[in-house]
Amino acid sequence: MRVSPNAEQAYLALVRGSELAVGAVVVADLAPMAGSPLTALLVMEKSDSGWTYSSLGAGGSVVLETAQPQLAPLCKRCHSEGLSDELFGIPRNH
């Protein structure tokens, strides 16, 4: 996971009820297996109207954008189950 500098501390301290600021960007690197080449980047960006989702291919080209119907419902549905602000946060030691 990568988080924009303006949201890093809020993301690391994410608890129920907390939110990241407008302008926050969260990126997940996807590779089929550890050590494999990158296949995609999944990107969330927070605006005044909420989160937008997009996917970038390994070369940086936009694969899917929120405006495309196949991405937005899947991302929104899964992230609606997040800990807070549509985010899951980092794993915590119990």
PDB file of N, CA and C in Angstrom:
ATOM      1  N   MET A   1       0.839  -1.180   0.000  1.00  0.00           N
ATOM      2  CA  MET A   1       0.000   0.000   0.000  1.00  0.00           C
ATOM      3  C   MET A   1       0.878   1.235   0.000  1.00  0.00           C
ATOM      4  N   ARG A   2       0.401   2.221  -0.696  1.00  0.00           N
ATOM      5  CA  ARG A   2       1.039   3.529  -0.713  1.00  0.00           C
ATOM      6  C   ARG A   2      -0.050   4.558  -0.392  1.00  0.00           C
ATOM      7  N   VAL A   3       0.323   5.557   0.392  1.00  0.00           N
ATOM      8  CA  VAL A   3      -0.633   6.594   0.786  1.00  0.00           C
ATOM      9  C   VAL A   3       0.043   7.943   0.570  1.00  0.00           C
ATOM     10  N   SER A   4      -0.708   8.891   0.036  1.00  0.00           N
ATOM     11  CA  SER A   4      -0.137  10.219  -0.195  1.00  0.00           C
ATOM     12  C   SER A   4       0.331  10.816   1.130  1.00  0.00           C
ATOM     13  N   PRO A   5       1.386  11.639   1.072  1.00  0.00           N
ATOM     14  CA  PRO A   5       1.935  12.217   2.304  1.00  0.00           C
ATOM     15  C   PRO A   5       0.903  12.963   3.148  1.00  0.00           C
ATOM     16  N   ASN A   6      -0.069  13.616   2.516  1.00  0.00           N
ATOM     17  CA  ASN A   6      -1.062  14.372   3.282  1.00  0.00           C
ATOM     18  C   ASN A   6      -2.027  13.479   4.057  1.00  0.00           C
ATOM     19  N   ALA A   7      -1.989  12.171   3.813  1.00  0.00           N
ATOM     20  CA  ALA A   7      -2.921  11.257   4.470  1.00  0.00           C
ATOM     21  C   ALA A   7      -2.237  10.113   5.213  1.00  0.00           C
ATOM     22  N   GLU A   8      -0.922  10.077   5.163  1.00  0.00           N
ATOM     23  CA  GLU A   8      -0.199   8.936   5.732  1.00  0.00           C
ATOM     24  C   GLU A   8      -0.489   8.715   7.215  1.00  0.00           C
ATOM     25  N   GLN A   9      -0.378   9.745   8.023  1.00  0.00           N
ATOM     26  CA  GLN A   9      -0.584   9.579   9.466  1.00  0.00           C
ATOM     27  C   GLN A   9      -2.033   9.189   9.789  1.00  0.00           C
ATOM     28  N   ALA A  10      -2.991   9.785   9.096  1.00  0.00           N
ATOM     29  CA  ALA A  10      -4.399   9.440   9.318  1.00  0.00           C
ATOM     30  C   ALA A  10      -4.661   7.988   8.919  1.00  0.00           C
ATOM     31  N   TYR A  11      -4.028   7.527   7.848  1.00  0.00           N
ATOM     32  CA  TYR A  11      -4.213   6.140   7.410  1.00  0.00           C
ATOM     33  C   TYR A  11      -3.604   5.169   8.421  1.00  0.00           C
ATOM     34  N   LEU A  12      -2.425   5.483   8.918  1.00  0.00           N
ATOM     35  CA  LEU A  12      -1.768   4.613   9.895  1.00  0.00           C
ATOM     36  C   LEU A  12      -2.543   4.531  11.201  1.00  0.00           C
ATOM     37  N   ALA A  13      -3.289   5.582  11.531  1.00  0.00           N
ATOM     38  CA  ALA A  13      -4.056   5.626  12.783  1.00  0.00           C
ATOM     39  C   ALA A  13      -5.540   5.351  12.572  1.00  0.00           C
ATOM     40  N   LEU A  14      -5.916   4.812  11.412  1.00  0.00           N
ATOM     41  CA  LEU A  14      -7.324   4.620  11.064  1.00  0.00           C
ATOM     42  C   LEU A  14      -8.062   3.774  12.104  1.00  0.00           C
ATOM     43  N   VAL A  15      -9.155   4.320  12.602  1.00  0.00           N
ATOM     44  CA  VAL A  15     -10.059   3.621  13.511  1.00  0.00           C
ATOM     45  C   VAL A  15     -11.480   3.964  13.084  1.00  0.00           C
ATOM     46  N   ARG A  16     -12.456   3.231  13.585  1.00  0.00           N
ATOM     47  CA  ARG A  16     -13.847   3.519  13.239  1.00  0.00           C
ATOM     48  C   ARG A  16     -14.159   4.996  13.476  1.00  0.00           C
ATOM     49  N   GLY A  17     -14.806   5.595  12.484  1.00  0.00           N
ATOM     50  CA  GLY A  17     -15.210   6.989  12.601  1.00  0.00           C
ATOM     51  C   GLY A  17     -14.189   7.986  12.082  1.00  0.00           C
ATOM     52  N   SER A  18     -12.974   7.547  11.826  1.00  0.00           N
ATOM     53  CA  SER A  18     -11.989   8.499  11.306  1.00  0.00           C
ATOM     54  C   SER A  18     -12.111   8.603   9.786  1.00  0.00           C
ATOM     55  N   GLU A  19     -11.602   9.683   9.238  1.00  0.00           N
ATOM     56  CA  GLU A  19     -11.673   9.911   7.795  1.00  0.00           C
ATOM     57  C   GLU A  19     -10.383  10.520   7.305  1.00  0.00           C
ATOM     58  N   LEU A  20     -10.053  10.240   6.063  1.00  0.00           N
ATOM     59  CA  LEU A  20      -8.924  10.885   5.418  1.00  0.00           C
ATOM     60  C   LEU A  20      -9.405  12.176   4.782  1.00  0.00           C
ATOM     61  N   ALA A  21      -8.504  13.126   4.633  1.00  0.00           N
ATOM     62  CA  ALA A  21      -8.844  14.441   4.088  1.00  0.00           C
ATOM     63  C   ALA A  21      -9.060  14.374   2.582  1.00  0.00           C
ATOM     64  N   VAL A  22      -9.818  15.327   2.082  1.00  0.00           N
ATOM     65  CA  VAL A  22      -9.985  15.484   0.639  1.00  0.00           C
ATOM     66  C   VAL A  22      -8.595  15.646   0.029  1.00  0.00           C
ATOM     67  N   GLY A  23      -8.357  14.974  -1.073  1.00  0.00           N
ATOM     68  CA  GLY A  23      -7.054  14.997  -1.726  1.00  0.00           C
ATOM     69  C   GLY A  23      -6.201  13.788  -1.409  1.00  0.00           C
ATOM     70  N   ALA A  24      -6.627  12.973  -0.438  1.00  0.00           N
ATOM     71  CA  ALA A  24      -5.876  11.765  -0.094  1.00  0.00           C
ATOM     72  C   ALA A  24      -5.889  10.791  -1.264  1.00  0.00           C
ATOM     73  N   VAL A  25      -4.777  10.116  -1.464  1.00  0.00           N
ATOM     74  CA  VAL A  25      -4.667   9.089  -2.491  1.00  0.00           C
ATOM     75  C   VAL A  25      -4.113   7.830  -1.837  1.00  0.00           C
ATOM     76  N   VAL A  26      -4.766   6.686  -2.095  1.00  0.00           N
ATOM     77  CA  VAL A  26      -4.330   5.394  -1.582  1.00  0.00           C
ATOM     78  C   VAL A  26      -4.143   4.478  -2.785  1.00  0.00           C
ATOM     79  N   VAL A  27      -2.990   3.812  -2.851  1.00  0.00           N
ATOM     80  CA  VAL A  27      -2.669   2.961  -3.998  1.00  0.00           C
ATOM     81  C   VAL A  27      -2.257   1.578  -3.513  1.00  0.00           C
ATOM     82  N   ALA A  28      -2.826   0.552  -4.127  1.00  0.00           N
ATOM     83  CA  ALA A  28      -2.432  -0.834  -3.859  1.00  0.00           C
ATOM     84  C   ALA A  28      -1.712  -1.376  -5.089  1.00  0.00           C
ATOM     85  N   ASP A  29      -0.536  -1.961  -4.874  1.00  0.00           N
ATOM     86  CA  ASP A  29       0.216  -2.614  -5.947  1.00  0.00           C
ATOM     87  C   ASP A  29      -0.291  -4.042  -6.066  1.00  0.00           C
ATOM     88  N   LEU A  30      -0.573  -4.476  -7.277  1.00  0.00           N
ATOM     89  CA  LEU A  30      -1.021  -5.852  -7.476  1.00  0.00           C
ATOM     90  C   LEU A  30      -0.009  -6.633  -8.298  1.00  0.00           C
ATOM     91  N   ALA A  31       0.397  -7.760  -7.771  1.00  0.00           N
ATOM     92  CA  ALA A  31       1.235  -8.714  -8.491  1.00  0.00           C
ATOM     93  C   ALA A  31       0.647 -10.084  -8.202  1.00  0.00           C
ATOM     94  N   PRO A  32       0.661 -11.003  -9.163  1.00  0.00           N
ATOM     95  CA  PRO A  32       0.049 -12.313  -8.937  1.00  0.00           C
ATOM     96  C   PRO A  32       0.636 -13.067  -7.750  1.00  0.00           C
ATOM     97  N   MET A  33       1.944 -12.967  -7.544  1.00  0.00           N
ATOM     98  CA  MET A  33       2.618 -13.634  -6.423  1.00  0.00           C
ATOM     99  C   MET A  33       3.763 -12.741  -5.966  1.00  0.00           C
ATOM    100  N   ALA A  34       4.182 -12.905  -4.722  1.00  0.00           N
ATOM    101  CA  ALA A  34       5.300 -12.117  -4.214  1.00  0.00           C
ATOM    102  C   ALA A  34       6.503 -12.299  -5.131  1.00  0.00           C
ATOM    103  N   GLY A  35       7.138 -11.204  -5.486  1.00  0.00           N
ATOM    104  CA  GLY A  35       8.298 -11.258  -6.362  1.00  0.00           C
ATOM    105  C   GLY A  35       7.962 -11.247  -7.835  1.00  0.00           C
ATOM    106  N   SER A  36       6.689 -11.367  -8.178  1.00  0.00           N
ATOM    107  CA  SER A  36       6.265 -11.330  -9.578  1.00  0.00           C
ATOM    108  C   SER A  36       6.215  -9.893 -10.057  1.00  0.00           C
ATOM    109  N   PRO A  37       6.260  -9.695 -11.370  1.00  0.00           N
ATOM    110  CA  PRO A  37       6.150  -8.327 -11.890  1.00  0.00           C
ATOM    111  C   PRO A  37       4.789  -7.715 -11.568  1.00  0.00           C
ATOM    112  N   LEU A  38       4.787  -6.421 -11.399  1.00  0.00           N
ATOM    113  CA  LEU A  38       3.559  -5.668 -11.149  1.00  0.00           C
ATOM    114  C   LEU A  38       2.588  -5.835 -12.311  1.00  0.00           C
ATOM    115  N   THR A  39       1.334  -6.094 -11.996  1.00  0.00           N
ATOM    116  CA  THR A  39       0.322  -6.213 -13.048  1.00  0.00           C
ATOM    117  C   THR A  39      -0.616  -5.013 -13.081  1.00  0.00           C
ATOM    118  N   ALA A  40      -0.839  -4.367 -11.937  1.00  0.00           N
ATOM    119  CA  ALA A  40      -1.752  -3.221 -11.913  1.00  0.00           C
ATOM    120  C   ALA A  40      -1.579  -2.443 -10.618  1.00  0.00           C
ATOM    121  N   LEU A  41      -2.042  -1.210 -10.653  1.00  0.00           N
ATOM    122  CA  LEU A  41      -2.158  -0.376  -9.468  1.00  0.00           C
ATOM    123  C   LEU A  41      -3.626  -0.036  -9.306  1.00  0.00           C
ATOM    124  N   LEU A  42      -4.163  -0.264  -8.126  1.00  0.00           N
ATOM    125  CA  LEU A  42      -5.538   0.132  -7.820  1.00  0.00           C
ATOM    126  C   LEU A  42      -5.462   1.431  -7.031  1.00  0.00           C
ATOM    127  N   VAL A  43      -6.182   2.433  -7.493  1.00  0.00           N
ATOM    128  CA  VAL A  43      -6.045   3.780  -6.945  1.00  0.00           C
ATOM    129  C   VAL A  43      -7.381   4.280  -6.411  1.00  0.00           C
ATOM    130  N   MET A  44      -7.352   4.849  -5.205  1.00  0.00           N
ATOM    131  CA  MET A  44      -8.496   5.537  -4.613  1.00  0.00           C
ATOM    132  C   MET A  44      -8.071   6.977  -4.385  1.00  0.00           C
ATOM    133  N   GLU A  45      -8.914   7.928  -4.796  1.00  0.00           N
ATOM    134  CA  GLU A  45      -8.623   9.338  -4.557  1.00  0.00           C
ATOM    135  C   GLU A  45      -9.860   9.988  -3.955  1.00  0.00           C
ATOM    136  N   LYS A  46      -9.661  10.707  -2.862  1.00  0.00           N
ATOM    137  CA  LYS A  46     -10.796  11.312  -2.167  1.00  0.00           C
ATOM    138  C   LYS A  46     -11.037  12.733  -2.650  1.00  0.00           C
ATOM    139  N   SER A  47     -12.292  12.994  -3.026  1.00  0.00           N
ATOM    140  CA  SER A  47     -12.705  14.335  -3.446  1.00  0.00           C
ATOM    141  C   SER A  47     -13.823  14.796  -2.509  1.00  0.00           C
ATOM    142  N   ASP A  48     -14.345  15.987  -2.763  1.00  0.00           N
ATOM    143  CA  ASP A  48     -15.457  16.505  -1.954  1.00  0.00           C
ATOM    144  C   ASP A  48     -16.669  15.582  -1.996  1.00  0.00           C
ATOM    145  N   SER A  49     -16.830  14.845  -3.098  1.00  0.00           N
ATOM    146  CA  SER A  49     -18.004  13.972  -3.244  1.00  0.00           C
ATOM    147  C   SER A  49     -17.726  12.528  -2.846  1.00  0.00           C
ATOM    148  N   GLY A  50     -16.558  12.243  -2.297  1.00  0.00           N
ATOM    149  CA  GLY A  50     -16.240  10.887  -1.856  1.00  0.00           C
ATOM    150  C   GLY A  50     -15.065  10.308  -2.630  1.00  0.00           C
ATOM    151  N   TRP A  51     -14.932   8.989  -2.562  1.00  0.00           N
ATOM    152  CA  TRP A  51     -13.816   8.304  -3.199  1.00  0.00           C
ATOM    153  C   TRP A  51     -14.109   8.003  -4.660  1.00  0.00           C
ATOM    154  N   THR A  52     -13.067   8.150  -5.487  1.00  0.00           N
ATOM    155  CA  THR A  52     -13.125   7.675  -6.863  1.00  0.00           C
ATOM    156  C   THR A  52     -12.101   6.554  -6.989  1.00  0.00           C
ATOM    157  N   TYR A  53     -12.387   5.602  -7.846  1.00  0.00           N
ATOM    158  CA  TYR A  53     -11.559   4.412  -8.003  1.00  0.00           C
ATOM    159  C   TYR A  53     -11.084   4.309  -9.443  1.00  0.00           C
ATOM    160  N   SER A  54      -9.829   3.915  -9.617  1.00  0.00           N
ATOM    161  CA  SER A  54      -9.321   3.643 -10.956  1.00  0.00           C
ATOM    162  C   SER A  54      -8.258   2.562 -10.863  1.00  0.00           C
ATOM    163  N   SER A  55      -7.912   2.011 -12.002  1.00  0.00           N
ATOM    164  CA  SER A  55      -6.901   0.970 -12.087  1.00  0.00           C
ATOM    165  C   SER A  55      -5.934   1.334 -13.198  1.00  0.00           C
ATOM    166  N   LEU A  56      -4.642   1.263 -12.896  1.00  0.00           N
ATOM    167  CA  LEU A  56      -3.613   1.566 -13.876  1.00  0.00           C
ATOM    168  C   LEU A  56      -2.863   0.287 -14.214  1.00  0.00           C
ATOM    169  N   GLY A  57      -2.582   0.081 -15.500  1.00  0.00           N
ATOM    170  CA  GLY A  57      -1.787  -1.058 -15.924  1.00  0.00           C
ATOM    171  C   GLY A  57      -0.335  -0.860 -15.524  1.00  0.00           C
ATOM    172  N   ALA A  58       0.473  -1.897 -15.673  1.00  0.00           N
ATOM    173  CA  ALA A  58       1.873  -1.851 -15.267  1.00  0.00           C
ATOM    174  C   ALA A  58       2.629  -0.714 -15.956  1.00  0.00           C
ATOM    175  N   GLY A  59       2.252  -0.355 -17.173  1.00  0.00           N
ATOM    176  CA  GLY A  59       2.906   0.732 -17.889  1.00  0.00           C
ATOM    177  C   GLY A  59       2.372   2.103 -17.547  1.00  0.00           C
ATOM    178  N   GLY A  60       1.372   2.189 -16.677  1.00  0.00           N
ATOM    179  CA  GLY A  60       0.809   3.467 -16.264  1.00  0.00           C
ATOM    180  C   GLY A  60      -0.448   3.867 -17.006  1.00  0.00           C
ATOM    181  N   SER A  61      -0.863   3.057 -17.991  1.00  0.00           N
ATOM    182  CA  SER A  61      -2.084   3.400 -18.720  1.00  0.00           C
ATOM    183  C   SER A  61      -3.312   3.125 -17.857  1.00  0.00           C
ATOM    184  N   VAL A  62      -4.335   3.958 -18.010  1.00  0.00           N
ATOM    185  CA  VAL A  62      -5.576   3.769 -17.265  1.00  0.00           C
ATOM    186  C   VAL A  62      -6.305   2.573 -17.853  1.00  0.00           C
ATOM    187  N   VAL A  63      -6.561   1.572 -17.017  1.00  0.00           N
ATOM    188  CA  VAL A  63      -7.272   0.368 -17.445  1.00  0.00           C
ATOM    189  C   VAL A  63      -8.762   0.556 -17.228  1.00  0.00           C
ATOM    190  N   LEU A  64      -9.130   0.995 -16.037  1.00  0.00           N
ATOM    191  CA  LEU A  64     -10.533   1.217 -15.692  1.00  0.00           C
ATOM    192  C   LEU A  64     -10.643   2.500 -14.889  1.00  0.00           C
ATOM    193  N   GLU A  65     -11.711   3.210 -15.109  1.00  0.00           N
ATOM    194  CA  GLU A  65     -11.985   4.412 -14.329  1.00  0.00           C
ATOM    195  C   GLU A  65     -13.343   4.260 -13.655  1.00  0.00           C
ATOM    196  N   THR A  66     -13.572   5.066 -12.635  1.00  0.00           N
ATOM    197  CA  THR A  66     -14.837   5.006 -11.915  1.00  0.00           C
ATOM    198  C   THR A  66     -16.026   5.149 -12.853  1.00  0.00           C
ATOM    199  N   ALA A  67     -15.871   5.937 -13.892  1.00  0.00           N
ATOM    200  CA  ALA A  67     -16.980   6.153 -14.815  1.00  0.00           C
ATOM    201  C   ALA A  67     -17.378   4.884 -15.566  1.00  0.00           C
ATOM    202  N   GLN A  68     -16.479   3.915 -15.613  1.00  0.00           N
ATOM    203  CA  GLN A  68     -16.808   2.678 -16.310  1.00  0.00           C
ATOM    204  C   GLN A  68     -17.612   1.789 -15.376  1.00  0.00           C
ATOM    205  N   PRO A  69     -18.750   1.302 -15.817  1.00  0.00           N
ATOM    206  CA  PRO A  69     -19.678   0.619 -14.921  1.00  0.00           C
ATOM    207  C   PRO A  69     -19.142  -0.663 -14.293  1.00  0.00           C
ATOM    208  N   GLN A  70     -18.176  -1.321 -14.885  1.00  0.00           N
ATOM    209  CA  GLN A  70     -17.715  -2.581 -14.305  1.00  0.00           C
ATOM    210  C   GLN A  70     -16.816  -2.389 -13.089  1.00  0.00           C
ATOM    211  N   LEU A  71     -16.224  -1.219 -12.905  1.00  0.00           N
ATOM    212  CA  LEU A  71     -15.325  -1.012 -11.783  1.00  0.00           C
ATOM    213  C   LEU A  71     -16.009  -0.410 -10.568  1.00  0.00           C
ATOM    214  N   ALA A  72     -16.700   0.677 -10.750  1.00  0.00           N
ATOM    215  CA  ALA A  72     -17.248   1.422  -9.617  1.00  0.00           C
ATOM    216  C   ALA A  72     -18.095   0.567  -8.677  1.00  0.00           C
ATOM    217  N   PRO A  73     -19.042  -0.222  -9.169  1.00  0.00           N
ATOM    218  CA  PRO A  73     -19.854  -1.002  -8.230  1.00  0.00           C
ATOM    219  C   PRO A  73     -19.047  -2.034  -7.448  1.00  0.00           C
ATOM    220  N   LEU A  74     -18.069  -2.646  -8.079  1.00  0.00           N
ATOM    221  CA  LEU A  74     -17.262  -3.650  -7.385  1.00  0.00           C
ATOM    222  C   LEU A  74     -16.408  -3.023  -6.301  1.00  0.00           C
ATOM    223  N   CYS A  75     -15.742  -1.939  -6.624  1.00  0.00           N
ATOM    224  CA  CYS A  75     -14.894  -1.263  -5.634  1.00  0.00           C
ATOM    225  C   CYS A  75     -15.731  -0.703  -4.489  1.00  0.00           C
ATOM    226  N   LYS A  76     -16.820  -0.004  -4.830  1.00  0.00           N
ATOM    227  CA  LYS A  76     -17.680   0.591  -3.809  1.00  0.00           C
ATOM    228  C   LYS A  76     -18.271  -0.468  -2.887  1.00  0.00           C
ATOM    229  N   ARG A  77     -18.737  -1.580  -3.464  1.00  0.00           N
ATOM    230  CA  ARG A  77     -19.347  -2.625  -2.653  1.00  0.00           C
ATOM    231  C   ARG A  77     -18.348  -3.174  -1.648  1.00  0.00           C
ATOM    232  N   CYS A  78     -17.181  -3.532  -2.100  1.00  0.00           N
ATOM    233  CA  CYS A  78     -16.182  -4.103  -1.200  1.00  0.00           C
ATOM    234  C   CYS A  78     -15.734  -3.072  -0.166  1.00  0.00           C
ATOM    235  N   HIS A  79     -15.430  -1.869  -0.604  1.00  0.00           N
ATOM    236  CA  HIS A  79     -14.936  -0.849   0.309  1.00  0.00           C
ATOM    237  C   HIS A  79     -16.011  -0.321   1.252  1.00  0.00           C
ATOM    238  N   SER A  80     -17.267  -0.559   0.962  1.00  0.00           N
ATOM    239  CA  SER A  80     -18.324  -0.168   1.904  1.00  0.00           C
ATOM    240  C   SER A  80     -18.223  -0.976   3.195  1.00  0.00           C
ATOM    241  N   GLU A  81     -17.506  -2.095   3.150  1.00  0.00           N
ATOM    242  CA  GLU A  81     -17.310  -2.942   4.326  1.00  0.00           C
ATOM    243  C   GLU A  81     -16.026  -2.603   5.080  1.00  0.00           C
ATOM    244  N   GLY A  82     -15.350  -1.536   4.665  1.00  0.00           N
ATOM    245  CA  GLY A  82     -14.100  -1.147   5.305  1.00  0.00           C
ATOM    246  C   GLY A  82     -14.297  -0.700   6.744  1.00  0.00           C
ATOM    247  N   LEU A  83     -13.205  -0.629   7.469  1.00  0.00           N
ATOM    248  CA  LEU A  83     -13.215  -0.212   8.870  1.00  0.00           C
ATOM    249  C   LEU A  83     -13.814   1.178   9.034  1.00  0.00           C
ATOM    250  N   SER A  84     -13.379   2.094   8.184  1.00  0.00           N
ATOM    251  CA  SER A  84     -13.854   3.465   8.262  1.00  0.00           C
ATOM    252  C   SER A  84     -13.507   4.194   6.978  1.00  0.00           C
ATOM    253  N   ASP A  85     -14.359   5.080   6.533  1.00  0.00           N
ATOM    254  CA  ASP A  85     -14.121   5.914   5.359  1.00  0.00           C
ATOM    255  C   ASP A  85     -13.777   5.063   4.129  1.00  0.00           C
ATOM    256  N   GLU A  86     -14.434   3.930   3.987  1.00  0.00           N
ATOM    257  CA  GLU A  86     -14.253   3.000   2.867  1.00  0.00           C
ATOM    258  C   GLU A  86     -12.842   2.418   2.809  1.00  0.00           C
ATOM    259  N   LEU A  87     -12.137   2.417   3.933  1.00  0.00           N
ATOM    260  CA  LEU A  87     -10.778   1.898   4.003  1.00  0.00           C
ATOM    261  C   LEU A  87     -10.681   0.761   5.010  1.00  0.00           C
ATOM    262  N   PHE A  88      -9.738  -0.119   4.791  1.00  0.00           N
ATOM    263  CA  PHE A  88      -9.523  -1.248   5.698  1.00  0.00           C
ATOM    264  C   PHE A  88      -8.366  -1.004   6.653  1.00  0.00           C
ATOM    265  N   GLY A  89      -7.448  -0.137   6.297  1.00  0.00           N
ATOM    266  CA  GLY A  89      -6.296   0.147   7.150  1.00  0.00           C
ATOM    267  C   GLY A  89      -5.272  -0.965   7.100  1.00  0.00           C
ATOM    268  N   ILE A  90      -4.249  -0.819   7.920  1.00  0.00           N
ATOM    269  CA  ILE A  90      -3.191  -1.825   7.971  1.00  0.00           C
ATOM    270  C   ILE A  90      -3.535  -2.888   8.999  1.00  0.00           C
ATOM    271  N   PRO A  91      -3.043  -4.122   8.820  1.00  0.00           N
ATOM    272  CA  PRO A  91      -3.311  -5.156   9.828  1.00  0.00           C
ATOM    273  C   PRO A  91      -2.736  -4.746  11.173  1.00  0.00           C
ATOM    274  N   ARG A  92      -3.456  -5.029  12.201  1.00  0.00           N
ATOM    275  CA  ARG A  92      -3.008  -4.707  13.575  1.00  0.00           C
ATOM    276  C   ARG A  92      -2.654  -5.997  14.293  1.00  0.00           C
ATOM    277  N   ASN A  93      -1.646  -5.938  15.147  1.00  0.00           N
ATOM    278  CA  ASN A  93      -1.324  -7.079  16.012  1.00  0.00           C
ATOM    279  C   ASN A  93      -2.369  -7.153  17.102  1.00  0.00           C
ATOM    280  N   HIS A  94      -2.779  -8.364  17.419  1.00  0.00           N
ATOM    281  CA  HIS A  94      -3.814  -8.534  18.456  1.00  0.00           C
ATOM    282  C   HIS A  94      -3.190  -8.759  19.810  1.00  0.00           C
TER     283      HIS A  94
END
